[in-house]
């Protein structure tokens, strides 16, 4: 199933604290009048659902990383010897010099953000 086939509003883009509190509320309501054995059963079932989702997502990430050719193994002999990785070789076709434009862009964006925050701060006083 394609990502675009899903409702893009789920999971919601809610405040992280609110989203976590929703989980607390659901957990609290699942306890109800159940005894410890029943709570264990329900809790383990919910964990299994989560594990399935995480396992599925991890496999999808692995497949996508392999297709995009950016699946780096930092435990490999090649990487440990300093021969593998985005900072030590030219597999991506970029040297440190060609990445300078990207670094400059990021530094400029940070400066722009700082200026905007200073403007907001000075306007709020």
N, C-alpha and C. Protein backbone atom coordinates (compact mmCIF):
# COMPACT_ATOMS: atom_id res chain seq x y z
N UNK A 1 0.85 -1.18 0.00
CA UNK A 1 0.00 0.00 0.00
C UNK A 1 0.89 1.23 0.00
N UNK A 2 0.55 2.17 -0.81
CA UNK A 2 1.31 3.40 -0.95
C UNK A 2 1.00 4.34 0.20
N UNK A 3 2.01 5.10 0.65
CA UNK A 3 1.83 6.05 1.76
C UNK A 3 0.72 7.05 1.43
N UNK A 4 0.59 7.41 0.19
CA UNK A 4 -0.42 8.39 -0.20
C UNK A 4 -1.83 7.83 -0.12
N UNK A 5 -1.95 6.49 -0.02
CA UNK A 5 -3.26 5.87 0.12
C UNK A 5 -3.83 6.04 1.52
N UNK A 6 -2.98 6.38 2.49
CA UNK A 6 -3.40 6.52 3.87
C UNK A 6 -3.91 7.92 4.15
N UNK A 7 -4.67 8.02 5.20
CA UNK A 7 -5.07 9.33 5.70
C UNK A 7 -3.84 9.96 6.32
N UNK A 8 -3.35 11.07 5.77
CA UNK A 8 -2.11 11.67 6.26
C UNK A 8 -2.29 12.38 7.58
N UNK A 9 -3.49 12.37 8.16
CA UNK A 9 -3.71 12.97 9.46
C UNK A 9 -3.58 11.96 10.59
N UNK A 10 -3.15 10.74 10.28
CA UNK A 10 -2.95 9.75 11.33
C UNK A 10 -1.58 9.15 11.19
N UNK A 11 -0.81 9.06 12.24
CA UNK A 11 -1.11 9.60 13.55
C UNK A 11 -1.17 11.12 13.50
N UNK A 12 -1.94 11.70 14.42
CA UNK A 12 -2.14 13.14 14.36
C UNK A 12 -0.87 13.93 14.66
N UNK A 13 -0.80 15.12 14.12
CA UNK A 13 0.33 16.00 14.40
C UNK A 13 0.00 16.80 15.65
N UNK A 14 -0.23 16.10 16.73
CA UNK A 14 -0.63 16.72 17.99
C UNK A 14 0.60 17.10 18.80
N UNK A 15 0.37 17.96 19.77
CA UNK A 15 1.40 18.32 20.72
C UNK A 15 1.92 17.02 21.35
N UNK A 16 3.24 16.83 21.44
CA UNK A 16 3.78 15.57 21.98
C UNK A 16 3.30 15.26 23.40
N UNK A 17 3.15 16.29 24.24
CA UNK A 17 2.68 16.05 25.60
C UNK A 17 1.23 15.55 25.58
N UNK A 18 0.41 16.16 24.75
CA UNK A 18 -0.98 15.74 24.63
C UNK A 18 -1.07 14.32 24.08
N UNK A 19 -0.24 14.03 23.09
CA UNK A 19 -0.23 12.70 22.47
C UNK A 19 0.15 11.64 23.50
N UNK A 20 1.17 11.93 24.34
CA UNK A 20 1.58 11.00 25.39
C UNK A 20 0.49 10.86 26.45
N UNK A 21 -0.16 11.96 26.79
CA UNK A 21 -1.24 11.89 27.78
C UNK A 21 -2.41 11.07 27.27
N UNK A 22 -2.63 11.10 25.96
CA UNK A 22 -3.67 10.26 25.37
C UNK A 22 -3.35 8.79 25.62
N UNK A 23 -2.06 8.43 25.47
CA UNK A 23 -1.65 7.05 25.74
C UNK A 23 -1.89 6.69 27.21
N UNK A 24 -1.60 7.64 28.12
CA UNK A 24 -1.84 7.40 29.55
C UNK A 24 -3.33 7.18 29.79
N UNK A 25 -4.16 7.99 29.15
CA UNK A 25 -5.60 7.87 29.32
C UNK A 25 -6.11 6.52 28.83
N UNK A 26 -5.63 6.11 27.66
CA UNK A 26 -6.03 4.81 27.12
C UNK A 26 -5.56 3.70 28.04
N UNK A 27 -4.31 3.79 28.51
CA UNK A 27 -3.79 2.78 29.42
C UNK A 27 -4.59 2.72 30.71
N UNK A 28 -4.91 3.88 31.26
CA UNK A 28 -5.69 3.94 32.50
C UNK A 28 -7.06 3.31 32.30
N UNK A 29 -7.68 3.60 31.14
CA UNK A 29 -9.01 3.05 30.90
C UNK A 29 -8.97 1.54 30.64
N UNK A 30 -7.84 1.04 30.14
CA UNK A 30 -7.71 -0.40 29.89
C UNK A 30 -7.58 -1.19 31.19
N UNK A 31 -7.11 -0.55 32.26
CA UNK A 31 -6.96 -1.25 33.54
C UNK A 31 -8.33 -1.60 34.09
N UNK A 32 -9.22 -0.62 34.09
CA UNK A 32 -10.59 -0.86 34.54
C UNK A 32 -10.68 -1.69 35.79
N UNK A 33 -11.59 -2.64 35.79
CA UNK A 33 -11.79 -3.54 36.93
C UNK A 33 -11.13 -4.89 36.70
N UNK A 34 -10.15 -4.94 35.79
CA UNK A 34 -9.50 -6.20 35.48
C UNK A 34 -8.51 -6.57 36.58
N UNK A 35 -8.35 -7.88 36.81
CA UNK A 35 -7.35 -8.33 37.78
C UNK A 35 -5.97 -8.30 37.11
N UNK A 36 -4.93 -8.61 37.88
CA UNK A 36 -3.56 -8.51 37.38
C UNK A 36 -3.31 -9.42 36.17
N UNK A 37 -3.86 -10.63 36.17
CA UNK A 37 -3.67 -11.54 35.04
C UNK A 37 -4.32 -10.99 33.77
N UNK A 38 -5.51 -10.44 33.91
CA UNK A 38 -6.20 -9.86 32.75
C UNK A 38 -5.46 -8.62 32.25
N UNK A 39 -4.97 -7.79 33.18
CA UNK A 39 -4.20 -6.61 32.79
C UNK A 39 -2.92 -7.02 32.05
N UNK A 40 -2.26 -8.06 32.54
CA UNK A 40 -1.06 -8.58 31.87
C UNK A 40 -1.38 -9.01 30.45
N UNK A 41 -2.48 -9.71 30.28
CA UNK A 41 -2.87 -10.19 28.97
C UNK A 41 -3.13 -9.04 28.00
N UNK A 42 -3.92 -8.06 28.47
CA UNK A 42 -4.22 -6.89 27.62
C UNK A 42 -2.95 -6.12 27.31
N UNK A 43 -2.10 -5.88 28.33
CA UNK A 43 -0.86 -5.14 28.13
C UNK A 43 0.07 -5.82 27.15
N UNK A 44 0.22 -7.13 27.29
CA UNK A 44 1.08 -7.86 26.36
C UNK A 44 0.54 -7.85 24.95
N UNK A 45 -0.76 -7.89 24.81
CA UNK A 45 -1.37 -7.82 23.48
C UNK A 45 -1.07 -6.47 22.83
N UNK A 46 -1.22 -5.39 23.61
CA UNK A 46 -0.92 -4.05 23.09
C UNK A 46 0.55 -3.92 22.71
N UNK A 47 1.44 -4.47 23.53
CA UNK A 47 2.87 -4.44 23.21
C UNK A 47 3.15 -5.20 21.92
N UNK A 48 2.49 -6.34 21.74
CA UNK A 48 2.66 -7.12 20.52
C UNK A 48 2.23 -6.32 19.29
N UNK A 49 1.14 -5.59 19.41
CA UNK A 49 0.69 -4.74 18.29
C UNK A 49 1.78 -3.73 17.97
N UNK A 50 2.32 -3.08 19.00
CA UNK A 50 3.39 -2.11 18.80
C UNK A 50 4.63 -2.73 18.19
N UNK A 51 5.00 -3.93 18.67
CA UNK A 51 6.18 -4.61 18.13
C UNK A 51 5.99 -4.95 16.65
N UNK A 52 4.79 -5.36 16.29
CA UNK A 52 4.53 -5.66 14.88
C UNK A 52 4.71 -4.40 14.03
N UNK A 53 4.14 -3.29 14.48
CA UNK A 53 4.26 -2.04 13.74
C UNK A 53 5.73 -1.62 13.61
N UNK A 54 6.49 -1.72 14.72
CA UNK A 54 7.91 -1.34 14.69
C UNK A 54 8.72 -2.26 13.79
N UNK A 55 8.44 -3.57 13.83
CA UNK A 55 9.16 -4.52 12.98
C UNK A 55 8.87 -4.25 11.51
N UNK A 56 7.63 -3.99 11.19
CA UNK A 56 7.25 -3.67 9.82
C UNK A 56 7.95 -2.41 9.35
N UNK A 57 7.95 -1.37 10.19
CA UNK A 57 8.58 -0.09 9.83
C UNK A 57 10.09 -0.26 9.67
N UNK A 58 10.72 -1.05 10.55
CA UNK A 58 12.17 -1.26 10.46
C UNK A 58 12.54 -1.95 9.16
N UNK A 59 11.76 -2.95 8.77
CA UNK A 59 12.04 -3.64 7.51
C UNK A 59 11.85 -2.71 6.33
N UNK A 60 10.82 -1.89 6.38
CA UNK A 60 10.58 -0.92 5.31
C UNK A 60 11.75 0.07 5.21
N UNK A 61 12.24 0.55 6.37
CA UNK A 61 13.38 1.47 6.36
C UNK A 61 14.61 0.81 5.77
N UNK A 62 14.85 -0.46 6.12
CA UNK A 62 16.00 -1.19 5.58
C UNK A 62 15.92 -1.29 4.06
N UNK A 63 14.76 -1.66 3.56
CA UNK A 63 14.58 -1.79 2.11
C UNK A 63 14.81 -0.45 1.43
N UNK A 64 14.22 0.62 1.98
CA UNK A 64 14.39 1.95 1.38
C UNK A 64 15.84 2.41 1.43
N UNK A 65 16.54 2.14 2.54
CA UNK A 65 17.95 2.53 2.65
C UNK A 65 18.79 1.80 1.63
N UNK A 66 18.49 0.52 1.40
CA UNK A 66 19.25 -0.24 0.41
C UNK A 66 18.97 0.27 -1.00
N UNK A 67 17.72 0.61 -1.28
CA UNK A 67 17.38 1.13 -2.60
C UNK A 67 18.04 2.49 -2.86
N UNK A 68 18.15 3.30 -1.81
CA UNK A 68 18.76 4.62 -1.93
C UNK A 68 20.28 4.56 -1.77
N UNK A 69 20.80 3.36 -1.53
CA UNK A 69 22.23 3.11 -1.38
C UNK A 69 22.84 3.95 -0.26
N UNK A 70 22.13 4.07 0.86
CA UNK A 70 22.69 4.79 2.00
C UNK A 70 22.61 3.97 3.28
N UNK A 71 22.81 2.67 3.14
CA UNK A 71 22.76 1.76 4.28
C UNK A 71 24.18 1.51 4.76
N UNK A 72 24.65 2.36 5.68
CA UNK A 72 26.02 2.33 6.16
C UNK A 72 26.17 1.38 7.33
N UNK A 73 27.16 0.51 7.28
CA UNK A 73 27.44 -0.41 8.37
C UNK A 73 28.67 0.10 9.12
N UNK A 74 28.45 0.75 10.27
CA UNK A 74 29.58 1.32 11.01
C UNK A 74 30.38 0.25 11.73
N UNK A 75 29.92 -0.98 11.73
CA UNK A 75 30.66 -2.08 12.37
C UNK A 75 31.53 -2.85 11.39
N UNK A 76 31.49 -2.47 10.12
CA UNK A 76 32.26 -3.21 9.12
C UNK A 76 33.75 -2.91 9.24
N UNK A 77 34.58 -3.84 8.78
CA UNK A 77 36.03 -3.64 8.78
C UNK A 77 36.39 -2.43 7.92
N UNK A 78 35.68 -2.26 6.81
CA UNK A 78 35.95 -1.14 5.91
C UNK A 78 35.75 0.19 6.63
N UNK A 79 34.65 0.32 7.34
CA UNK A 79 34.37 1.57 8.04
C UNK A 79 35.35 1.79 9.18
N UNK A 80 35.64 0.74 9.95
CA UNK A 80 36.54 0.87 11.09
C UNK A 80 37.96 1.21 10.67
N UNK A 81 38.33 0.83 9.46
CA UNK A 81 39.67 1.16 8.97
C UNK A 81 39.72 2.55 8.35
N UNK A 82 38.60 3.26 8.38
CA UNK A 82 38.57 4.62 7.85
C UNK A 82 38.32 4.70 6.36
N UNK A 83 37.91 3.60 5.75
CA UNK A 83 37.70 3.59 4.31
C UNK A 83 36.24 3.73 3.91
N UNK A 84 35.33 3.55 4.84
CA UNK A 84 33.92 3.59 4.48
C UNK A 84 33.18 4.67 5.21
N UNK A 85 32.18 5.22 4.57
CA UNK A 85 31.35 6.22 5.23
C UNK A 85 31.30 7.52 4.47
N UNK A 86 30.31 8.33 4.76
CA UNK A 86 30.12 9.57 4.00
C UNK A 86 31.20 10.61 4.27
N UNK A 87 31.99 10.46 5.34
CA UNK A 87 33.00 11.46 5.65
C UNK A 87 34.40 11.03 5.25
N UNK A 88 34.53 9.78 4.81
CA UNK A 88 35.86 9.27 4.51
C UNK A 88 36.05 8.85 3.06
N UNK A 89 34.97 8.67 2.32
CA UNK A 89 35.16 8.28 0.93
C UNK A 89 34.24 9.09 0.03
N UNK A 90 34.37 8.86 -1.22
CA UNK A 90 33.65 9.66 -2.19
C UNK A 90 32.56 8.85 -2.87
N UNK A 91 31.93 7.91 -2.13
CA UNK A 91 30.89 7.06 -2.72
C UNK A 91 29.71 7.88 -3.21
N UNK A 92 29.39 8.95 -2.52
CA UNK A 92 28.25 9.77 -2.89
C UNK A 92 28.61 10.78 -3.99
N UNK A 93 29.88 10.81 -4.38
CA UNK A 93 30.29 11.76 -5.40
C UNK A 93 30.52 13.15 -4.84
N UNK A 94 30.67 13.27 -3.54
CA UNK A 94 30.86 14.56 -2.92
C UNK A 94 32.12 14.54 -2.07
N UNK A 95 32.95 15.50 -2.27
CA UNK A 95 34.09 15.66 -1.38
C UNK A 95 33.70 16.68 -0.33
N UNK A 96 34.59 16.91 0.62
CA UNK A 96 34.32 17.93 1.63
C UNK A 96 34.13 19.30 0.98
N UNK A 97 34.85 19.55 -0.12
CA UNK A 97 34.74 20.85 -0.78
C UNK A 97 33.36 21.02 -1.44
N UNK A 98 32.84 19.97 -2.05
CA UNK A 98 31.54 20.12 -2.71
C UNK A 98 30.42 20.19 -1.69
N UNK A 99 30.68 19.75 -0.47
CA UNK A 99 29.69 19.84 0.58
C UNK A 99 29.71 21.22 1.24
N UNK A 100 30.71 22.03 0.92
CA UNK A 100 30.84 23.35 1.54
C UNK A 100 29.62 24.22 1.26
N UNK A 101 29.07 24.13 0.06
CA UNK A 101 27.88 24.91 -0.28
C UNK A 101 26.72 24.55 0.65
N UNK A 102 26.59 23.26 0.94
CA UNK A 102 25.51 22.82 1.83
C UNK A 102 25.73 23.34 3.24
N UNK A 103 26.97 23.30 3.71
CA UNK A 103 27.29 23.81 5.05
C UNK A 103 27.02 25.32 5.11
N UNK A 104 27.44 26.04 4.07
CA UNK A 104 27.19 27.49 4.03
C UNK A 104 25.70 27.79 4.05
N UNK A 105 24.92 27.01 3.33
CA UNK A 105 23.47 27.19 3.30
C UNK A 105 22.89 27.01 4.70
N UNK A 106 23.33 25.98 5.40
CA UNK A 106 22.83 25.72 6.76
C UNK A 106 23.24 26.84 7.71
N UNK A 107 24.50 27.29 7.61
CA UNK A 107 24.95 28.38 8.47
C UNK A 107 24.14 29.66 8.22
N UNK A 108 23.84 29.93 6.96
CA UNK A 108 23.04 31.12 6.64
C UNK A 108 21.63 30.97 7.20
N UNK A 109 21.07 29.78 7.10
CA UNK A 109 19.73 29.54 7.64
C UNK A 109 19.71 29.74 9.15
N UNK A 110 20.76 29.31 9.83
CA UNK A 110 20.84 29.50 11.28
C UNK A 110 20.91 30.98 11.61
N UNK A 111 21.70 31.72 10.86
CA UNK A 111 21.79 33.17 11.09
C UNK A 111 20.44 33.84 10.86
N UNK A 112 19.74 33.44 9.81
CA UNK A 112 18.41 34.00 9.53
C UNK A 112 17.44 33.71 10.67
N UNK A 113 17.51 32.50 11.21
CA UNK A 113 16.64 32.13 12.33
C UNK A 113 16.97 32.97 13.55
N UNK A 114 18.27 33.17 13.82
CA UNK A 114 18.69 34.00 14.95
C UNK A 114 18.14 35.42 14.82
N UNK A 115 18.28 35.98 13.62
CA UNK A 115 17.78 37.34 13.38
C UNK A 115 16.27 37.42 13.59
N UNK A 116 15.56 36.43 13.09
CA UNK A 116 14.11 36.42 13.24
C UNK A 116 13.71 36.31 14.71
N UNK A 117 14.41 35.46 15.45
CA UNK A 117 14.13 35.34 16.88
C UNK A 117 14.43 36.64 17.63
N UNK A 118 15.51 37.31 17.25
CA UNK A 118 15.83 38.59 17.87
C UNK A 118 14.75 39.63 17.56
N UNK A 119 14.24 39.63 16.32
CA UNK A 119 13.16 40.55 15.95
C UNK A 119 11.90 40.27 16.76
N UNK A 120 11.58 39.02 16.90
CA UNK A 120 10.40 38.64 17.68
C UNK A 120 10.57 39.06 19.14
N UNK A 121 11.76 38.82 19.67
CA UNK A 121 12.05 39.19 21.06
C UNK A 121 11.97 40.69 21.26
N UNK A 122 12.55 41.45 20.34
CA UNK A 122 12.52 42.92 20.50
C UNK A 122 11.12 43.49 20.29
N UNK A 123 10.30 42.86 19.46
CA UNK A 123 8.94 43.33 19.23
C UNK A 123 8.01 42.97 20.38
N UNK A 124 8.37 41.94 21.14
CA UNK A 124 7.50 41.54 22.24
C UNK A 124 7.74 42.36 23.50
N UNK A 125 8.83 43.11 23.54
CA UNK A 125 9.14 43.94 24.74
C UNK A 125 8.49 45.27 24.67
